[in-house]
Protein backbone atom coordinates (compact mmCIF):
# COMPACT_ATOMS: atom_id res chain seq x y z
CA MET A 1 120.55 72.88 154.32
CA PRO A 2 118.53 70.57 156.61
CA ASP A 3 119.79 67.04 157.07
CA PRO A 4 118.21 64.53 154.66
CA ILE A 5 115.33 62.59 156.18
CA GLN A 6 116.31 59.10 157.33
CA LEU A 7 114.34 55.93 156.72
CA SER A 8 113.79 55.43 160.45
CA GLN A 9 111.90 58.74 160.55
CA LEU A 10 109.37 57.77 157.90
CA LYS A 11 105.79 56.79 158.67
CA GLU A 12 102.88 55.56 156.60
CA GLY A 13 101.74 58.09 154.03
CA ASP A 14 104.99 60.06 153.94
CA ALA A 15 106.45 61.03 150.60
CA PHE A 16 110.16 60.33 150.07
CA ALA A 17 112.65 61.50 147.49
CA GLY A 18 116.38 61.07 147.96
CA LEU A 19 119.50 58.94 147.78
CA LEU A 20 119.58 55.42 149.21
CA LEU A 21 121.87 52.40 149.01
CA ALA A 22 120.41 49.37 147.23
CA GLN A 23 121.30 46.36 149.35
CA GLU A 24 119.16 44.11 147.17
CA ALA A 25 117.75 44.62 143.66
CA THR A 26 115.82 42.03 141.68
CA TYR A 27 113.63 42.21 138.60
CA LYS A 28 110.64 39.91 139.04
CA THR A 29 107.50 38.93 137.16
CA SER A 30 104.07 39.28 138.75
CA SER A 31 101.29 36.70 138.52
CA ARG A 32 99.82 38.81 135.74
CA GLY A 33 103.00 38.56 133.72
CA SER A 34 104.19 42.14 134.22
CA GLU A 35 107.78 42.85 135.24
CA TYR A 36 108.52 44.81 138.41
CA LEU A 37 111.52 45.78 140.51
CA GLU A 38 111.92 44.66 144.13
CA LEU A 39 114.53 46.47 146.21
CA LYS A 40 115.92 46.62 149.71
CA LEU A 41 116.97 50.24 150.22
CA ALA A 42 119.03 51.44 153.16
CA ASP A 43 120.68 54.33 154.91
CA ALA A 44 122.51 54.46 158.23
CA SER A 45 119.24 54.34 160.18
CA GLY A 46 117.87 51.13 158.69
CA ASP A 47 116.33 49.63 155.59
CA LEU A 48 113.00 49.22 153.83
CA LYS A 49 111.65 46.95 151.15
CA ALA A 50 110.69 48.94 148.06
CA PHE A 51 108.74 48.11 144.92
CA LEU A 52 108.61 49.75 141.53
CA TRP A 53 105.61 48.17 139.88
CA ASP A 54 106.20 49.76 136.46
CA ILE A 55 109.80 49.31 135.33
CA ARG A 56 109.26 51.91 132.61
CA ALA A 57 109.70 54.39 135.47
CA VAL A 58 113.38 53.44 135.78
CA GLU A 59 115.34 56.42 134.50
CA GLY A 60 118.39 55.43 132.47
CA ASP A 61 119.90 51.97 132.07
CA LEU A 62 117.89 49.14 133.64
CA GLU A 63 121.06 47.06 133.98
CA ALA A 64 122.60 49.73 136.24
CA ILE A 65 120.06 48.95 138.97
CA GLN A 66 122.06 46.35 140.91
CA PRO A 67 122.82 45.48 144.54
CA ASP A 68 125.43 47.68 146.24
CA VAL A 69 124.79 50.77 144.10
CA PHE A 70 123.36 54.15 145.06
CA LEU A 71 119.92 55.06 143.76
CA TRP A 72 117.81 58.16 143.69
CA ALA A 73 114.34 56.99 144.64
CA LYS A 74 110.99 58.75 144.78
CA GLY A 75 107.87 57.24 146.25
CA THR A 76 105.40 56.94 149.12
CA VAL A 77 105.55 54.99 152.36
CA THR A 78 102.90 52.27 152.64
CA THR A 79 102.39 49.27 154.91
CA TYR A 80 102.02 45.59 154.12
CA ASN A 81 101.45 42.95 156.80
CA GLY A 82 102.33 45.52 159.44
CA ARG A 83 105.65 46.51 157.87
CA LEU A 84 106.56 49.78 156.25
CA GLN A 85 107.67 49.70 152.63
CA LEU A 86 108.21 52.14 149.78
CA LYS A 87 105.92 52.22 146.76
CA LEU A 88 108.21 53.81 144.20
CA ASP A 89 107.32 56.13 141.35
CA LYS A 90 110.82 56.64 139.96
CA VAL A 91 114.31 55.20 140.38
CA ARG A 92 117.64 56.05 138.80
CA PHE A 93 121.24 54.97 139.23
CA VAL A 94 123.64 57.45 140.88
CA PRO A 95 127.44 57.05 140.43
CA ASP A 96 129.56 56.92 143.59
CA ASP A 97 131.37 60.13 142.70
CA GLN A 98 128.07 62.01 142.94
CA VAL A 99 127.46 60.86 146.53
CA GLU A 100 128.87 63.44 148.94
CA ASP A 101 128.63 61.67 152.29
CA LEU A 102 128.99 57.89 152.11
CA ALA A 103 128.71 57.60 155.90
CA ARG A 104 124.99 58.44 155.67
CA PHE A 105 124.29 55.03 154.17
CA PHE A 106 126.03 52.62 156.49
CA PRO A 107 124.68 51.79 159.96
CA VAL A 108 127.39 52.17 162.59
CA SER A 109 127.75 51.46 166.28
CA ALA A 110 126.56 54.20 168.61
CA ARG A 111 129.72 53.56 170.66
CA PRO A 112 132.87 55.19 169.26
CA VAL A 113 135.30 52.58 167.98
CA PRO A 114 138.32 54.03 169.87
CA ASP A 115 136.39 53.69 173.13
CA MET A 116 135.53 50.08 172.37
CA LEU A 117 139.10 49.24 171.39
CA ALA A 118 140.34 50.77 174.64
CA GLU A 119 137.90 48.54 176.54
CA LEU A 120 139.14 45.54 174.58
CA ASP A 121 142.76 46.38 175.47
CA ARG A 122 141.90 46.75 179.15
CA ALA A 123 140.24 43.34 179.14
CA ILE A 124 143.31 41.73 177.55
CA ALA A 125 145.68 43.51 179.96
CA ALA A 126 143.68 42.11 182.90
CA VAL A 127 144.24 38.50 181.78
CA ALA A 128 146.68 36.88 184.22
CA ASP A 129 147.17 33.52 182.51
CA PRO A 130 150.68 33.52 180.96
CA TRP A 131 149.50 31.50 177.94
CA ILE A 132 146.14 33.09 177.20
CA ARG A 133 147.32 36.70 177.34
CA PRO A 134 150.01 36.37 174.62
CA LEU A 135 147.49 34.54 172.41
CA LEU A 136 145.01 37.42 172.71
CA VAL A 137 147.74 40.04 172.29
CA ALA A 138 148.97 38.39 169.10
CA LEU A 139 145.51 38.23 167.52
CA PHE A 140 143.86 41.44 168.70
CA GLN A 141 146.77 43.84 169.17
CA GLN A 142 149.76 42.75 167.11
CA ASP A 143 147.78 41.68 164.04
CA GLU A 144 146.77 45.15 162.85
CA ALA A 145 144.68 43.89 159.93
CA LEU A 146 142.62 41.64 162.18
CA ARG A 147 142.27 44.36 164.82
CA ASP A 148 140.96 46.77 162.21
CA ALA A 149 138.55 44.20 160.80
CA PHE A 150 137.36 43.23 164.29
CA SER A 151 136.50 46.89 164.95
CA ARG A 152 134.54 47.33 161.69
CA ALA A 153 132.73 44.04 161.04
CA PRO A 154 129.06 43.52 161.86
CA ALA A 155 128.17 40.64 164.17
CA ALA A 156 125.83 39.04 161.63
CA LYS A 157 124.36 39.47 158.16
CA SER A 158 120.81 40.08 159.31
CA MET A 159 120.00 38.80 162.80
CA HIS A 160 121.74 40.91 165.44
CA HIS A 161 124.21 43.80 165.76
CA VAL A 162 123.94 44.37 162.01
CA TYR A 163 126.03 47.51 161.77
CA LEU A 164 129.66 48.50 161.35
CA GLY A 165 131.38 47.89 164.68
CA GLY A 166 128.66 45.43 165.66
CA LEU A 167 131.03 42.51 166.19
CA LEU A 168 133.20 44.42 168.65
CA ASP A 169 130.11 45.89 170.33
CA HIS A 170 128.56 42.43 170.70
CA SER A 171 131.79 40.87 171.96
CA LEU A 172 132.22 43.53 174.64
CA SER A 173 128.58 43.19 175.67
CA VAL A 174 128.99 39.45 176.15
CA LEU A 175 132.26 40.12 177.99
CA GLY A 176 130.49 42.46 180.42
CA MET A 177 127.90 39.81 181.26
CA ALA A 178 130.59 37.14 181.50
CA SER A 179 132.55 39.20 184.02
CA ARG A 180 129.49 39.40 186.27
CA ALA A 181 128.90 35.67 185.87
CA CYS A 182 132.49 34.95 186.93
CA ASP A 183 131.93 37.05 190.05
CA HIS A 184 128.82 35.00 190.78
CA TYR A 185 130.31 31.58 189.98
CA PRO A 186 133.84 31.43 191.47
CA GLY A 187 134.38 27.99 189.96
CA LEU A 188 134.70 29.49 186.48
CA ASN A 189 138.12 30.16 185.00
CA ARG A 190 137.83 33.89 184.27
CA ASP A 191 140.76 34.09 181.85
CA LEU A 192 139.46 31.13 179.87
CA VAL A 193 136.03 32.77 179.69
CA VAL A 194 137.58 36.03 178.43
CA ALA A 195 139.45 34.11 175.74
CA GLY A 196 136.30 32.28 174.68
CA VAL A 197 134.23 35.45 174.50
CA LEU A 198 136.78 37.37 172.43
CA LEU A 199 137.55 34.45 170.11
CA HIS A 200 134.10 32.91 169.59
CA ASP A 201 133.13 35.16 166.67
CA VAL A 202 136.47 36.51 165.44
CA GLY A 203 136.13 34.48 162.23
CA LYS A 204 133.21 36.69 161.22
CA THR A 205 135.77 39.27 160.15
CA ALA A 206 136.42 36.97 157.17
CA GLU A 207 133.02 35.27 156.97
CA LEU A 208 131.07 38.47 156.35
CA SER A 209 131.42 41.14 153.69
CA TYR A 210 130.62 44.64 154.87
CA GLN A 211 132.02 47.14 152.38
CA ARG A 212 128.50 48.04 151.13
CA SER A 213 125.64 45.72 151.97
CA PHE A 214 126.14 42.95 154.51
CA GLY A 215 126.61 39.48 153.08
CA TYR A 216 128.91 36.48 153.02
CA THR A 217 132.34 36.14 151.46
CA ASP A 218 133.36 33.05 149.49
CA ALA A 219 135.28 31.84 152.55
CA GLY A 220 132.23 32.52 154.70
CA ASN A 221 129.94 30.51 152.47
CA LEU A 222 132.40 27.66 152.00
CA LEU A 223 133.85 27.37 155.51
CA GLY A 224 131.91 29.51 158.01
CA HIS A 225 133.31 31.57 160.85
CA ILE A 226 133.77 28.69 163.30
CA SER A 227 136.09 26.82 160.94
CA LEU A 228 137.95 30.00 160.03
CA GLU A 229 138.63 31.09 163.59
CA ALA A 230 139.54 27.60 164.77
CA ASP A 231 142.24 27.53 162.09
CA TRP A 232 143.54 30.99 163.07
CA ILE A 233 143.69 30.06 166.75
CA GLN A 234 145.53 26.83 165.99
CA ARG A 235 148.10 28.68 163.90
CA GLU A 236 148.71 31.31 166.55
CA ILE A 237 148.99 28.76 169.33
CA ALA A 238 151.58 26.89 167.25
CA ARG A 239 153.76 30.04 167.35
CA ILE A 240 153.82 30.05 171.18
CA PRO A 241 156.47 27.50 172.31
CA GLY A 242 155.25 25.13 174.98
CA PHE A 243 151.59 26.13 174.82
CA PRO A 244 149.79 23.59 177.07
CA GLU A 245 147.78 21.00 175.13
CA PRO A 246 144.90 20.85 177.67
CA LEU A 247 144.48 24.63 177.41
CA ARG A 248 144.53 24.50 173.59
CA LEU A 249 141.75 21.93 173.69
CA GLN A 250 139.60 23.93 176.10
CA ILE A 251 139.93 27.18 174.13
CA LEU A 252 139.06 25.43 170.87
CA HIS A 253 136.18 23.63 172.57
CA ILE A 254 134.58 26.94 173.57
CA VAL A 255 134.89 28.24 170.01
CA LEU A 256 133.64 25.05 168.37
CA SER A 257 130.67 24.61 170.72
CA HIS A 258 129.46 28.19 171.09
CA HIS A 259 126.41 27.76 168.85
CA GLY A 260 125.20 25.29 171.43
CA ARG A 261 123.55 22.73 169.16
CA LEU A 262 124.77 20.50 166.35
CA GLU A 263 121.99 21.63 164.02
CA TYR A 264 123.08 25.26 164.53
CA GLY A 265 126.57 24.60 163.20
CA SER A 266 128.57 23.59 166.26
CA PRO A 267 130.40 20.28 165.73
CA VAL A 268 130.28 19.59 169.48
CA LEU A 269 128.02 20.52 172.37
CA PRO A 270 129.34 22.67 175.26
CA LYS A 271 130.94 20.27 177.74
CA THR A 272 132.76 22.60 180.13
CA PRO A 273 131.35 25.32 182.41
CA GLU A 274 133.17 28.03 180.45
CA ALA A 275 131.86 26.76 177.11
CA LEU A 276 128.30 26.57 178.43
CA LEU A 277 128.51 30.12 179.77
CA VAL A 278 129.87 31.58 176.52
CA HIS A 279 127.15 29.83 174.50
CA TYR A 280 124.26 31.08 176.60
CA LEU A 281 125.55 34.64 176.98
CA ASP A 282 126.29 34.88 173.26
CA ASP A 283 122.78 33.65 172.47
CA LEU A 284 121.18 35.96 175.04
CA ASP A 285 122.98 39.08 173.82
CA GLY A 286 122.06 38.43 170.21
CA LYS A 287 118.39 37.76 170.93
CA LEU A 288 117.98 40.74 173.24
CA GLU A 289 119.51 43.03 170.60
CA VAL A 290 116.89 41.75 168.12
CA MET A 291 114.13 42.60 170.58
CA PHE A 292 115.53 46.04 171.39
CA ARG A 293 115.86 46.81 167.68
CA SER A 294 112.22 45.87 167.12
CA ILE A 295 111.18 48.22 169.92
CA ARG A 296 113.27 51.08 168.50
CA GLN A 297 111.82 50.57 165.04
CA ARG A 298 108.22 50.38 166.23
CA THR A 299 105.86 52.00 163.74
CA GLY A 300 102.57 51.54 165.60
CA GLY A 301 100.67 48.93 167.56
CA ALA A 302 101.66 46.90 170.57
CA TRP A 303 103.03 43.92 168.67
CA SER A 304 105.75 43.53 166.06
CA PRO A 305 105.27 41.58 162.85
CA PHE A 306 106.43 37.97 163.06
CA ASN A 307 110.16 37.99 163.69
CA ARG A 308 111.85 35.20 161.75
CA ALA A 309 115.08 35.41 163.76
CA LEU A 310 113.25 34.76 167.04
CA GLU A 311 110.33 32.81 165.53
CA ARG A 312 107.73 34.88 167.39
CA VAL A 313 106.05 38.24 167.55
CA ILE A 314 107.45 40.74 170.07
CA TYR A 315 105.47 42.81 172.58
CA LEU A 316 106.59 46.39 172.05
CA GLU A 317 104.93 48.22 174.94
CA ARG A 318 107.33 49.41 177.65
CA TRP A 319 106.46 49.93 181.31
CA PRO A 320 107.00 53.68 182.05
CA SER A 321 109.65 53.07 184.71
CA ALA A 322 111.82 51.03 182.34
CA THR A 323 115.22 52.41 181.45
CA PRO A 324 115.70 53.59 177.86
CA VAL A 325 116.09 50.84 175.29
CA PRO A 326 119.81 50.31 174.50
CA ASN A 327 120.54 51.85 171.14
CA GLY A 328 122.99 49.94 168.98
CA THR A 329 122.69 52.26 166.02
CA PRO A 330 121.75 55.93 165.72
CA ASP A 331 118.02 56.45 165.12
């Protein structure tokens, strides 16, 4: 049998019928007083907004149509404000045990996880500082639960690297840029930069939920990843006898300041060269991934719809000599 068509392959006017994961599902009332169903449906290639304007077309129990369930959906691809969406004719709930290949519905990193973990281990092995290396070993190698979560978590709920393995992919991307920056600026402490890069988002393993749709855990909503990881780092440092206090402060400073601005959630601004570098490279990698994703998902025209994450539209044309757009997730 041919492979099922993926959402990323659809274009305006196409008919669609198949299984999708409901990341969002809400019954709403129109201005005319009629009830309709608004959905965000996804597979491994991406997601689309979908609307069922007549809820009588729901087959079976209306209450079964919830977030994080599988649905059989039938409809037609339309556009609204430059974005593709599905105008649905029918929807029905599908139990998990009737879904043969769950992997088809979850976006994953294009880089194999074992390859990325091997790169992570090489980076830790290259750390010469006798205090920083055992800290990184304890968190990323000896703590098997954290290592597994670090290899599976997305880097964000919706902005950038939103796929399984995205956090590790993003961290290694920032680490690659940071290594080049350390070559260029010899005044930087390379081992401190490596620690900051690997630790700056590790709390997202507990902040984000990623078993089905991507969202926030209770701990994520109540505390946020910066608070979570700062606590973990403090605990691990306390287990290393004699850990230097000035180094503890500098590592925590990078983590606490990496959002760069108080209004973005950092309790302090970057005040060391290493903290400033980690902030800007983290921000750059996230924003470039958003742009590259918009280019990959182009459906027509030279400009993207308004991108809320970047607060601008994105020019999608590529000069012919440009290298291929990095692909974070399979198209």
